[in-house]
mmCIF file of all heavy atoms, coordinates in Angstrom:
data_MODEL
# 
_entry.id   MODEL 
# 
loop_
_atom_site.group_PDB 
_atom_site.id 
_atom_site.type_symbol 
_atom_site.label_atom_id 
_atom_site.label_alt_id 
_atom_site.label_comp_id 
_atom_site.label_asym_id 
_atom_site.label_entity_id 
_atom_site.label_seq_id 
_atom_site.pdbx_PDB_ins_code 
_atom_site.Cartn_x 
_atom_site.Cartn_y 
_atom_site.Cartn_z 
_atom_site.occupancy 
_atom_site.B_iso_or_equiv 
_atom_site.pdbx_formal_charge 
_atom_site.auth_seq_id 
_atom_site.auth_comp_id 
_atom_site.auth_asym_id 
_atom_site.auth_atom_id 
_atom_site.pdbx_PDB_model_num 
ATOM 1   N N   . GLU A 1 1  ? -0.081 -1.542  7.532  1.00 0.00 ? 1  GLU A N   1 
ATOM 2   C CA  . GLU A 1 1  ? 0.402  -0.937  8.774  1.00 0.00 ? 1  GLU A CA  1 
ATOM 3   C C   . GLU A 1 1  ? -0.674 -0.949  9.853  1.00 0.00 ? 1  GLU A C   1 
ATOM 4   O O   . GLU A 1 1  ? -0.390 -1.234  11.017 1.00 0.00 ? 1  GLU A O   1 
ATOM 5   C CB  . GLU A 1 1  ? 0.877  0.500   8.519  1.00 0.00 ? 1  GLU A CB  1 
ATOM 6   C CG  . GLU A 1 1  ? 2.151  0.599   7.711  1.00 0.00 ? 1  GLU A CG  1 
ATOM 7   C CD  . GLU A 1 1  ? 3.326  -0.085  8.380  1.00 0.00 ? 1  GLU A CD  1 
ATOM 8   O OE1 . GLU A 1 1  ? 3.391  -0.099  9.625  1.00 0.00 ? 1  GLU A OE1 1 
ATOM 9   O OE2 . GLU A 1 1  ? 4.171  -0.642  7.659  1.00 0.00 ? 1  GLU A OE2 1 
ATOM 10  N N   . HIS A 1 2  ? -1.915 -0.663  9.491  1.00 0.00 ? 2  HIS A N   1 
ATOM 11  C CA  . HIS A 1 2  ? -3.002 -0.712  10.465 1.00 0.00 ? 2  HIS A CA  1 
ATOM 12  C C   . HIS A 1 2  ? -3.218 -2.145  10.963 1.00 0.00 ? 2  HIS A C   1 
ATOM 13  O O   . HIS A 1 2  ? -3.469 -2.365  12.155 1.00 0.00 ? 2  HIS A O   1 
ATOM 14  C CB  . HIS A 1 2  ? -4.298 -0.170  9.852  1.00 0.00 ? 2  HIS A CB  1 
ATOM 15  C CG  . HIS A 1 2  ? -4.271 1.291   9.535  1.00 0.00 ? 2  HIS A CG  1 
ATOM 16  N ND1 . HIS A 1 2  ? -3.997 2.256   10.488 1.00 0.00 ? 2  HIS A ND1 1 
ATOM 17  C CD2 . HIS A 1 2  ? -4.486 1.971   8.376  1.00 0.00 ? 2  HIS A CD2 1 
ATOM 18  C CE1 . HIS A 1 2  ? -4.044 3.457   9.940  1.00 0.00 ? 2  HIS A CE1 1 
ATOM 19  N NE2 . HIS A 1 2  ? -4.342 3.312   8.651  1.00 0.00 ? 2  HIS A NE2 1 
ATOM 20  N N   . TYR A 1 3  ? -3.117 -3.113  10.061 1.00 0.00 ? 3  TYR A N   1 
ATOM 21  C CA  . TYR A 1 3  ? -3.239 -4.527  10.449 1.00 0.00 ? 3  TYR A CA  1 
ATOM 22  C C   . TYR A 1 3  ? -2.135 -4.905  11.428 1.00 0.00 ? 3  TYR A C   1 
ATOM 23  O O   . TYR A 1 3  ? -2.383 -5.551  12.458 1.00 0.00 ? 3  TYR A O   1 
ATOM 24  C CB  . TYR A 1 3  ? -3.154 -5.405  9.198  1.00 0.00 ? 3  TYR A CB  1 
ATOM 25  C CG  . TYR A 1 3  ? -3.003 -6.883  9.481  1.00 0.00 ? 3  TYR A CG  1 
ATOM 26  C CD1 . TYR A 1 3  ? -4.113 -7.658  9.805  1.00 0.00 ? 3  TYR A CD1 1 
ATOM 27  C CD2 . TYR A 1 3  ? -1.758 -7.500  9.421  1.00 0.00 ? 3  TYR A CD2 1 
ATOM 28  C CE1 . TYR A 1 3  ? -3.983 -9.017  10.064 1.00 0.00 ? 3  TYR A CE1 1 
ATOM 29  C CE2 . TYR A 1 3  ? -1.617 -8.852  9.678  1.00 0.00 ? 3  TYR A CE2 1 
ATOM 30  C CZ  . TYR A 1 3  ? -2.732 -9.612  9.994  1.00 0.00 ? 3  TYR A CZ  1 
ATOM 31  O OH  . TYR A 1 3  ? -2.584 -10.952 10.261 1.00 0.00 ? 3  TYR A OH  1 
ATOM 32  N N   . ARG A 1 4  ? -0.906 -4.474  11.133 1.00 0.00 ? 4  ARG A N   1 
ATOM 33  C CA  . ARG A 1 4  ? 0.225  -4.776  12.005 1.00 0.00 ? 4  ARG A CA  1 
ATOM 34  C C   . ARG A 1 4  ? 0.017  -4.193  13.403 1.00 0.00 ? 4  ARG A C   1 
ATOM 35  O O   . ARG A 1 4  ? 0.272  -4.849  14.411 1.00 0.00 ? 4  ARG A O   1 
ATOM 36  C CB  . ARG A 1 4  ? 1.511  -4.239  11.383 1.00 0.00 ? 4  ARG A CB  1 
ATOM 37  C CG  . ARG A 1 4  ? 2.750  -4.488  12.224 1.00 0.00 ? 4  ARG A CG  1 
ATOM 38  C CD  . ARG A 1 4  ? 3.999  -3.918  11.588 1.00 0.00 ? 4  ARG A CD  1 
ATOM 39  N NE  . ARG A 1 4  ? 4.390  -4.683  10.425 1.00 0.00 ? 4  ARG A NE  1 
ATOM 40  C CZ  . ARG A 1 4  ? 4.443  -4.222  9.185  1.00 0.00 ? 4  ARG A CZ  1 
ATOM 41  N NH1 . ARG A 1 4  ? 4.121  -2.961  8.945  1.00 0.00 ? 4  ARG A NH1 1 
ATOM 42  N NH2 . ARG A 1 4  ? 4.822  -4.985  8.183  1.00 0.00 ? 4  ARG A NH2 1 
ATOM 43  N N   . GLU A 1 5  ? -0.467 -2.950  13.461 1.00 0.00 ? 5  GLU A N   1 
ATOM 44  C CA  . GLU A 1 5  ? -0.686 -2.319  14.762 1.00 0.00 ? 5  GLU A CA  1 
ATOM 45  C C   . GLU A 1 5  ? -1.758 -3.051  15.565 1.00 0.00 ? 5  GLU A C   1 
ATOM 46  O O   . GLU A 1 5  ? -1.633 -3.198  16.787 1.00 0.00 ? 5  GLU A O   1 
ATOM 47  C CB  . GLU A 1 5  ? -1.082 -0.847  14.578 1.00 0.00 ? 5  GLU A CB  1 
ATOM 48  C CG  . GLU A 1 5  ? 0.065  0.043   14.143 1.00 0.00 ? 5  GLU A CG  1 
ATOM 49  C CD  . GLU A 1 5  ? 1.239  -0.036  15.102 1.00 0.00 ? 5  GLU A CD  1 
ATOM 50  O OE1 . GLU A 1 5  ? 1.041  0.215   16.317 1.00 0.00 ? 5  GLU A OE1 1 
ATOM 51  O OE2 . GLU A 1 5  ? 2.347  -0.357  14.659 1.00 0.00 ? 5  GLU A OE2 1 
ATOM 52  N N   . ASP A 1 6  ? -2.802 -3.521  14.909 1.00 0.00 ? 6  ASP A N   1 
ATOM 53  C CA  . ASP A 1 6  ? -3.843 -4.262  15.624 1.00 0.00 ? 6  ASP A CA  1 
ATOM 54  C C   . ASP A 1 6  ? -3.309 -5.596  16.145 1.00 0.00 ? 6  ASP A C   1 
ATOM 55  O O   . ASP A 1 6  ? -3.679 -6.036  17.247 1.00 0.00 ? 6  ASP A O   1 
ATOM 56  C CB  . ASP A 1 6  ? -5.046 -4.499  14.704 1.00 0.00 ? 6  ASP A CB  1 
ATOM 57  C CG  . ASP A 1 6  ? -5.901 -3.248  14.531 1.00 0.00 ? 6  ASP A CG  1 
ATOM 58  O OD1 . ASP A 1 6  ? -5.699 -2.282  15.305 1.00 0.00 ? 6  ASP A OD1 1 
ATOM 59  O OD2 . ASP A 1 6  ? -6.759 -3.232  13.623 1.00 0.00 ? 6  ASP A OD2 1 
ATOM 60  N N   . GLN A 1 7  ? -2.426 -6.233  15.391 1.00 0.00 ? 7  GLN A N   1 
ATOM 61  C CA  . GLN A 1 7  ? -1.806 -7.477  15.862 1.00 0.00 ? 7  GLN A CA  1 
ATOM 62  C C   . GLN A 1 7  ? -0.905 -7.225  17.057 1.00 0.00 ? 7  GLN A C   1 
ATOM 63  O O   . GLN A 1 7  ? -0.838 -8.028  17.988 1.00 0.00 ? 7  GLN A O   1 
ATOM 64  C CB  . GLN A 1 7  ? -1.035 -8.140  14.724 1.00 0.00 ? 7  GLN A CB  1 
ATOM 65  C CG  . GLN A 1 7  ? -1.899 -8.713  13.620 1.00 0.00 ? 7  GLN A CG  1 
ATOM 66  C CD  . GLN A 1 7  ? -2.854 -9.776  14.138 1.00 0.00 ? 7  GLN A CD  1 
ATOM 67  O OE1 . GLN A 1 7  ? -2.440 -10.774 14.714 1.00 0.00 ? 7  GLN A OE1 1 
ATOM 68  N NE2 . GLN A 1 7  ? -4.148 -9.559  13.935 1.00 0.00 ? 7  GLN A NE2 1 
ATOM 69  N N   . TYR A 1 8  ? -0.205 -6.090  17.057 1.00 0.00 ? 8  TYR A N   1 
ATOM 70  C CA  . TYR A 1 8  ? 0.623  -5.734  18.215 1.00 0.00 ? 8  TYR A CA  1 
ATOM 71  C C   . TYR A 1 8  ? -0.239 -5.578  19.468 1.00 0.00 ? 8  TYR A C   1 
ATOM 72  O O   . TYR A 1 8  ? 0.172  -5.957  20.570 1.00 0.00 ? 8  TYR A O   1 
ATOM 73  C CB  . TYR A 1 8  ? 1.382  -4.429  17.948 1.00 0.00 ? 8  TYR A CB  1 
ATOM 74  C CG  . TYR A 1 8  ? 2.546  -4.553  16.998 1.00 0.00 ? 8  TYR A CG  1 
ATOM 75  C CD1 . TYR A 1 8  ? 2.947  -3.464  16.226 1.00 0.00 ? 8  TYR A CD1 1 
ATOM 76  C CD2 . TYR A 1 8  ? 3.251  -5.743  16.860 1.00 0.00 ? 8  TYR A CD2 1 
ATOM 77  C CE1 . TYR A 1 8  ? 4.023  -3.554  15.352 1.00 0.00 ? 8  TYR A CE1 1 
ATOM 78  C CE2 . TYR A 1 8  ? 4.316  -5.847  15.992 1.00 0.00 ? 8  TYR A CE2 1 
ATOM 79  C CZ  . TYR A 1 8  ? 4.705  -4.745  15.234 1.00 0.00 ? 8  TYR A CZ  1 
ATOM 80  O OH  . TYR A 1 8  ? 5.765  -4.850  14.380 1.00 0.00 ? 8  TYR A OH  1 
ATOM 81  N N   . LYS A 1 9  ? -1.427 -5.004  19.310 1.00 0.00 ? 9  LYS A N   1 
ATOM 82  C CA  . LYS A 1 9  ? -2.321 -4.836  20.461 1.00 0.00 ? 9  LYS A CA  1 
ATOM 83  C C   . LYS A 1 9  ? -2.753 -6.196  21.005 1.00 0.00 ? 9  LYS A C   1 
ATOM 84  O O   . LYS A 1 9  ? -2.788 -6.414  22.221 1.00 0.00 ? 9  LYS A O   1 
ATOM 85  C CB  . LYS A 1 9  ? -3.558 -4.022  20.056 1.00 0.00 ? 9  LYS A CB  1 
ATOM 86  C CG  . LYS A 1 9  ? -3.276 -2.571  19.709 1.00 0.00 ? 9  LYS A CG  1 
ATOM 87  C CD  . LYS A 1 9  ? -4.555 -1.868  19.246 1.00 0.00 ? 9  LYS A CD  1 
ATOM 88  C CE  . LYS A 1 9  ? -4.261 -0.443  18.801 1.00 0.00 ? 9  LYS A CE  1 
ATOM 89  N NZ  . LYS A 1 9  ? -5.496 0.218   18.282 1.00 0.00 ? 9  LYS A NZ  1 
ATOM 90  N N   . ILE A 1 10 ? -3.064 -7.111  20.107 1.00 0.00 ? 10 ILE A N   1 
ATOM 91  C CA  . ILE A 1 10 ? -3.514 -8.441  20.516 1.00 0.00 ? 10 ILE A CA  1 
ATOM 92  C C   . ILE A 1 10 ? -2.413 -9.177  21.284 1.00 0.00 ? 10 ILE A C   1 
ATOM 93  O O   . ILE A 1 10 ? -2.674 -9.851  22.291 1.00 0.00 ? 10 ILE A O   1 
ATOM 94  C CB  . ILE A 1 10 ? -3.941 -9.262  19.274 1.00 0.00 ? 10 ILE A CB  1 
ATOM 95  C CG1 . ILE A 1 10 ? -5.205 -8.651  18.652 1.00 0.00 ? 10 ILE A CG1 1 
ATOM 96  C CG2 . ILE A 1 10 ? -4.170 -10.728 19.637 1.00 0.00 ? 10 ILE A CG2 1 
ATOM 97  C CD1 . ILE A 1 10 ? -5.589 -9.257  17.315 1.00 0.00 ? 10 ILE A CD1 1 
ATOM 98  N N   . HIS A 1 11 ? -1.162 -9.027  20.838 1.00 0.00 ? 11 HIS A N   1 
ATOM 99  C CA  . HIS A 1 11 ? -0.045 -9.772  21.427 1.00 0.00 ? 11 HIS A CA  1 
ATOM 100 C C   . HIS A 1 11 ? 0.775  -8.936  22.414 1.00 0.00 ? 11 HIS A C   1 
ATOM 101 O O   . HIS A 1 11 ? 1.913  -9.297  22.732 1.00 0.00 ? 11 HIS A O   1 
ATOM 102 C CB  . HIS A 1 11 ? 0.866  -10.280 20.315 1.00 0.00 ? 11 HIS A CB  1 
ATOM 103 C CG  . HIS A 1 11 ? 0.193  -11.219 19.361 1.00 0.00 ? 11 HIS A CG  1 
ATOM 104 N ND1 . HIS A 1 11 ? -0.312 -12.437 19.741 1.00 0.00 ? 11 HIS A ND1 1 
ATOM 105 C CD2 . HIS A 1 11 ? -0.082 -11.094 18.026 1.00 0.00 ? 11 HIS A CD2 1 
ATOM 106 C CE1 . HIS A 1 11 ? -0.862 -13.041 18.694 1.00 0.00 ? 11 HIS A CE1 1 
ATOM 107 N NE2 . HIS A 1 11 ? -0.738 -12.254 17.646 1.00 0.00 ? 11 HIS A NE2 1 
ATOM 108 N N   . GLU A 1 12 ? 0.187  -7.853  22.905 1.00 0.00 ? 12 GLU A N   1 
ATOM 109 C CA  . GLU A 1 12 ? 0.935  -6.939  23.771 1.00 0.00 ? 12 GLU A CA  1 
ATOM 110 C C   . GLU A 1 12 ? 1.485  -7.637  25.018 1.00 0.00 ? 12 GLU A C   1 
ATOM 111 O O   . GLU A 1 12 ? 2.665  -7.483  25.364 1.00 0.00 ? 12 GLU A O   1 
ATOM 112 C CB  . GLU A 1 12 ? 0.048  -5.770  24.185 1.00 0.00 ? 12 GLU A CB  1 
ATOM 113 C CG  . GLU A 1 12 ? 0.734  -4.769  25.085 1.00 0.00 ? 12 GLU A CG  1 
ATOM 114 C CD  . GLU A 1 12 ? -0.127 -3.547  25.367 1.00 0.00 ? 12 GLU A CD  1 
ATOM 115 O OE1 . GLU A 1 12 ? -1.292 -3.527  24.900 1.00 0.00 ? 12 GLU A OE1 1 
ATOM 116 O OE2 . GLU A 1 12 ? 0.368  -2.617  26.042 1.00 0.00 ? 12 GLU A OE2 1 
ATOM 117 N N   . GLU A 1 13 ? 0.670  -8.393  25.708 1.00 0.00 ? 13 GLU A N   1 
ATOM 118 C CA  . GLU A 1 13 ? 1.117  -9.041  26.944 1.00 0.00 ? 13 GLU A CA  1 
ATOM 119 C C   . GLU A 1 13 ? 2.269  -10.008 26.677 1.00 0.00 ? 13 GLU A C   1 
ATOM 120 O O   . GLU A 1 13 ? 3.262  -10.035 27.417 1.00 0.00 ? 13 GLU A O   1 
ATOM 121 C CB  . GLU A 1 13 ? -0.048 -9.787  27.587 1.00 0.00 ? 13 GLU A CB  1 
ATOM 122 C CG  . GLU A 1 13 ? 0.306  -10.442 28.922 1.00 0.00 ? 13 GLU A CG  1 
ATOM 123 C CD  . GLU A 1 13 ? -0.891 -11.105 29.571 1.00 0.00 ? 13 GLU A CD  1 
ATOM 124 O OE1 . GLU A 1 13 ? -2.016 -10.989 29.035 1.00 0.00 ? 13 GLU A OE1 1 
ATOM 125 O OE2 . GLU A 1 13 ? -0.708 -11.759 30.619 1.00 0.00 ? 13 GLU A OE2 1 
ATOM 126 N N   . ARG A 1 14 ? 2.166  -10.790 25.610 1.00 0.00 ? 14 ARG A N   1 
ATOM 127 C CA  . ARG A 1 14 ? 3.241  -11.719 25.246 1.00 0.00 ? 14 ARG A CA  1 
ATOM 128 C C   . ARG A 1 14 ? 4.530  -10.982 24.935 1.00 0.00 ? 14 ARG A C   1 
ATOM 129 O O   . ARG A 1 14 ? 5.621  -11.372 25.395 1.00 0.00 ? 14 ARG A O   1 
ATOM 130 C CB  . ARG A 1 14 ? 2.806  -12.542 24.025 1.00 0.00 ? 14 ARG A CB  1 
ATOM 131 C CG  . ARG A 1 14 ? 3.846  -13.509 23.503 1.00 0.00 ? 14 ARG A CG  1 
ATOM 132 C CD  . ARG A 1 14 ? 3.563  -13.878 22.061 1.00 0.00 ? 14 ARG A CD  1 
ATOM 133 N NE  . ARG A 1 14 ? 3.724  -12.721 21.169 1.00 0.00 ? 14 ARG A NE  1 
ATOM 134 C CZ  . ARG A 1 14 ? 3.436  -12.754 19.862 1.00 0.00 ? 14 ARG A CZ  1 
ATOM 135 N NH1 . ARG A 1 14 ? 2.931  -13.856 19.319 1.00 0.00 ? 14 ARG A NH1 1 
ATOM 136 N NH2 . ARG A 1 14 ? 3.634  -11.685 19.117 1.00 0.00 ? 14 ARG A NH2 1 
ATOM 137 N N   . ASP A 1 15 ? 4.438  -9.901  24.151 1.00 0.00 ? 15 ASP A N   1 
ATOM 138 C CA  . ASP A 1 15 ? 5.634  -9.159  23.741 1.00 0.00 ? 15 ASP A CA  1 
ATOM 139 C C   . ASP A 1 15 ? 6.320  -8.491  24.934 1.00 0.00 ? 15 ASP A C   1 
ATOM 140 O O   . ASP A 1 15 ? 7.548  -8.483  25.033 1.00 0.00 ? 15 ASP A O   1 
ATOM 141 C CB  . ASP A 1 15 ? 5.263  -8.099  22.694 1.00 0.00 ? 15 ASP A CB  1 
ATOM 142 C CG  . ASP A 1 15 ? 4.828  -8.713  21.372 1.00 0.00 ? 15 ASP A CG  1 
ATOM 143 O OD1 . ASP A 1 15 ? 5.125  -9.898  21.139 1.00 0.00 ? 15 ASP A OD1 1 
ATOM 144 O OD2 . ASP A 1 15 ? 4.184  -7.994  20.578 1.00 0.00 ? 15 ASP A OD2 1 
ATOM 145 N N   . VAL A 1 16 ? 5.526  -7.922  25.841 1.00 0.00 ? 16 VAL A N   1 
ATOM 146 C CA  . VAL A 1 16 ? 6.100  -7.262  27.019 1.00 0.00 ? 16 VAL A CA  1 
ATOM 147 C C   . VAL A 1 16 ? 6.815  -8.285  27.897 1.00 0.00 ? 16 VAL A C   1 
ATOM 148 O O   . VAL A 1 16 ? 7.924  -8.045  28.402 1.00 0.00 ? 16 VAL A O   1 
ATOM 149 C CB  . VAL A 1 16 ? 5.015  -6.510  27.816 1.00 0.00 ? 16 VAL A CB  1 
ATOM 150 C CG1 . VAL A 1 16 ? 5.544  -6.064  29.178 1.00 0.00 ? 16 VAL A CG1 1 
ATOM 151 C CG2 . VAL A 1 16 ? 4.512  -5.308  27.023 1.00 0.00 ? 16 VAL A CG2 1 
ATOM 152 N N   . LYS A 1 17 ? 6.202  -9.442  28.102 1.00 0.00 ? 17 LYS A N   1 
ATOM 153 C CA  . LYS A 1 17 ? 6.813  -10.478 28.935 1.00 0.00 ? 17 LYS A CA  1 
ATOM 154 C C   . LYS A 1 17 ? 8.140  -10.938 28.348 1.00 0.00 ? 17 LYS A C   1 
ATOM 155 O O   . LYS A 1 17 ? 9.148  -11.077 29.072 1.00 0.00 ? 17 LYS A O   1 
ATOM 156 C CB  . LYS A 1 17 ? 5.857  -11.660 29.062 1.00 0.00 ? 17 LYS A CB  1 
ATOM 157 C CG  . LYS A 1 17 ? 6.408  -12.785 29.935 1.00 0.00 ? 17 LYS A CG  1 
ATOM 158 C CD  . LYS A 1 17 ? 5.417  -13.943 30.029 1.00 0.00 ? 17 LYS A CD  1 
ATOM 159 C CE  . LYS A 1 17 ? 6.000  -15.082 30.878 1.00 0.00 ? 17 LYS A CE  1 
ATOM 160 N NZ  . LYS A 1 17 ? 5.050  -16.223 30.981 1.00 0.00 ? 17 LYS A NZ  1 
ATOM 161 N N   . LYS A 1 18 ? 8.175  -11.164 27.033 1.00 0.00 ? 18 LYS A N   1 
ATOM 162 C CA  . LYS A 1 18 ? 9.421  -11.587 26.387 1.00 0.00 ? 18 LYS A CA  1 
ATOM 163 C C   . LYS A 1 18 ? 10.485 -10.511 26.492 1.00 0.00 ? 18 LYS A C   1 
ATOM 164 O O   . LYS A 1 18 ? 11.666 -10.790 26.744 1.00 0.00 ? 18 LYS A O   1 
ATOM 165 C CB  . LYS A 1 18 ? 9.150  -11.921 24.921 1.00 0.00 ? 18 LYS A CB  1 
ATOM 166 C CG  . LYS A 1 18 ? 10.381 -12.405 24.163 1.00 0.00 ? 18 LYS A CG  1 
ATOM 167 C CD  . LYS A 1 18 ? 10.041 -12.725 22.723 1.00 0.00 ? 18 LYS A CD  1 
ATOM 168 C CE  . LYS A 1 18 ? 11.288 -13.177 21.961 1.00 0.00 ? 18 LYS A CE  1 
ATOM 169 N NZ  . LYS A 1 18 ? 10.976 -13.462 20.530 1.00 0.00 ? 18 LYS A NZ  1 
ATOM 170 N N   . CYS A 1 19 ? 10.092 -9.256  26.308 1.00 0.00 ? 19 CYS A N   1 
ATOM 171 C CA  . CYS A 1 19 ? 11.019 -8.132  26.413 1.00 0.00 ? 19 CYS A CA  1 
ATOM 172 C C   . CYS A 1 19 ? 11.618 -8.056  27.815 1.00 0.00 ? 19 CYS A C   1 
ATOM 173 O O   . CYS A 1 19 ? 12.829 -7.868  27.980 1.00 0.00 ? 19 CYS A O   1 
ATOM 174 C CB  . CYS A 1 19 ? 10.294 -6.832  26.062 1.00 0.00 ? 19 CYS A CB  1 
ATOM 175 S SG  . CYS A 1 19 ? 11.250 -5.323  26.305 1.00 0.00 ? 19 CYS A SG  1 
ATOM 176 N N   . GLU A 1 20 ? 10.789 -8.201  28.832 1.00 0.00 ? 20 GLU A N   1 
ATOM 177 C CA  . GLU A 1 20 ? 11.272 -8.122  30.206 1.00 0.00 ? 20 GLU A CA  1 
ATOM 178 C C   . GLU A 1 20 ? 12.219 -9.270  30.531 1.00 0.00 ? 20 GLU A C   1 
ATOM 179 O O   . GLU A 1 20 ? 13.219 -9.085  31.238 1.00 0.00 ? 20 GLU A O   1 
ATOM 180 C CB  . GLU A 1 20 ? 10.086 -8.108  31.169 1.00 0.00 ? 20 GLU A CB  1 
ATOM 181 C CG  . GLU A 1 20 ? 9.282  -6.819  31.086 1.00 0.00 ? 20 GLU A CG  1 
ATOM 182 C CD  . GLU A 1 20 ? 8.038  -6.833  31.952 1.00 0.00 ? 20 GLU A CD  1 
ATOM 183 O OE1 . GLU A 1 20 ? 7.607  -7.946  32.348 1.00 0.00 ? 20 GLU A OE1 1 
ATOM 184 O OE2 . GLU A 1 20 ? 7.482  -5.755  32.218 1.00 0.00 ? 20 GLU A OE2 1 
ATOM 185 N N   . GLU A 1 21 ? 11.928 -10.455 30.018 1.00 0.00 ? 21 GLU A N   1 
ATOM 186 C CA  . GLU A 1 21 ? 12.829 -11.596 30.241 1.00 0.00 ? 21 GLU A CA  1 
ATOM 187 C C   . GLU A 1 21 ? 14.182 -11.354 29.590 1.00 0.00 ? 21 GLU A C   1 
ATOM 188 O O   . GLU A 1 21 ? 15.235 -11.619 30.195 1.00 0.00 ? 21 GLU A O   1 
ATOM 189 C CB  . GLU A 1 21 ? 12.189 -12.875 29.678 1.00 0.00 ? 21 GLU A CB  1 
ATOM 190 C CG  . GLU A 1 21 ? 10.981 -13.354 30.471 1.00 0.00 ? 21 GLU A CG  1 
ATOM 191 C CD  . GLU A 1 21 ? 10.278 -14.516 29.795 1.00 0.00 ? 21 GLU A CD  1 
ATOM 192 O OE1 . GLU A 1 21 ? 10.618 -14.826 28.626 1.00 0.00 ? 21 GLU A OE1 1 
ATOM 193 O OE2 . GLU A 1 21 ? 9.371  -15.118 30.424 1.00 0.00 ? 21 GLU A OE2 1 
ATOM 194 N N   . ASN A 1 22 ? 14.178 -10.845 28.364 1.00 0.00 ? 22 ASN A N   1 
ATOM 195 C CA  . ASN A 1 22 ? 15.442 -10.557 27.677 1.00 0.00 ? 22 ASN A CA  1 
ATOM 196 C C   . ASN A 1 22 ? 16.195 -9.413  28.343 1.00 0.00 ? 22 ASN A C   1 
ATOM 197 O O   . ASN A 1 22 ? 17.429 -9.430  28.440 1.00 0.00 ? 22 ASN A O   1 
ATOM 198 C CB  . ASN A 1 22 ? 15.170 -10.233 26.210 1.00 0.00 ? 22 ASN A CB  1 
ATOM 199 C CG  . ASN A 1 22 ? 14.827 -11.456 25.386 1.00 0.00 ? 22 ASN A CG  1 
ATOM 200 O OD1 . ASN A 1 22 ? 15.238 -12.565 25.704 1.00 0.00 ? 22 ASN A OD1 1 
ATOM 201 N ND2 . ASN A 1 22 ? 14.064 -11.265 24.320 1.00 0.00 ? 22 ASN A ND2 1 
ATOM 202 N N   . ARG A 1 23 ? 15.470 -8.393  28.787 1.00 0.00 ? 23 ARG A N   1 
ATOM 203 C CA  . ARG A 1 23 ? 16.095 -7.285  29.515 1.00 0.00 ? 23 ARG A CA  1 
ATOM 204 C C   . ARG A 1 23 ? 16.827 -7.788  30.750 1.00 0.00 ? 23 ARG A C   1 
ATOM 205 O O   . ARG A 1 23 ? 17.991 -7.428  30.995 1.00 0.00 ? 23 ARG A O   1 
ATOM 206 C CB  . ARG A 1 23 ? 15.013 -6.278  29.917 1.00 0.00 ? 23 ARG A CB  1 
ATOM 207 C CG  . ARG A 1 23 ? 15.488 -5.147  30.827 1.00 0.00 ? 23 ARG A CG  1 
ATOM 208 C CD  . ARG A 1 23 ? 14.326 -4.546  31.601 1.00 0.00 ? 23 ARG A CD  1 
ATOM 209 N NE  . ARG A 1 23 ? 13.696 -5.537  32.484 1.00 0.00 ? 23 ARG A NE  1 
ATOM 210 C CZ  . ARG A 1 23 ? 12.536 -5.347  33.098 1.00 0.00 ? 23 ARG A CZ  1 
ATOM 211 N NH1 . ARG A 1 23 ? 11.856 -4.232  32.917 1.00 0.00 ? 23 ARG A NH1 1 
ATOM 212 N NH2 . ARG A 1 23 ? 12.042 -6.294  33.892 1.00 0.00 ? 23 ARG A NH2 1 
ATOM 213 N N   . ASP A 1 24 ? 16.157 -8.614  31.545 1.00 0.00 ? 24 ASP A N   1 
ATOM 214 C CA  . ASP A 1 24 ? 16.769 -9.132  32.763 1.00 0.00 ? 24 ASP A CA  1 
ATOM 215 C C   . ASP A 1 24 ? 17.991 -9.982  32.452 1.00 0.00 ? 24 ASP A C   1 
ATOM 216 O O   . ASP A 1 24 ? 19.002 -9.922  33.166 1.00 0.00 ? 24 ASP A O   1 
ATOM 217 C CB  . ASP A 1 24 ? 15.739 -9.945  33.555 1.00 0.00 ? 24 ASP A CB  1 
ATOM 218 C CG  . ASP A 1 24 ? 14.583 -9.092  34.074 1.00 0.00 ? 24 ASP A CG  1 
ATOM 219 O OD1 . ASP A 1 24 ? 14.718 -7.849  34.077 1.00 0.00 ? 24 ASP A OD1 1 
ATOM 220 O OD2 . ASP A 1 24 ? 13.549 -9.671  34.454 1.00 0.00 ? 24 ASP A OD2 1 
# 
């Protein structure tokens, strides 16, 4: 779980951009 959270931090910008594109 700690490893997963650190990976989320690394890929935060990518994930937010994809989320915003799908939201729109």
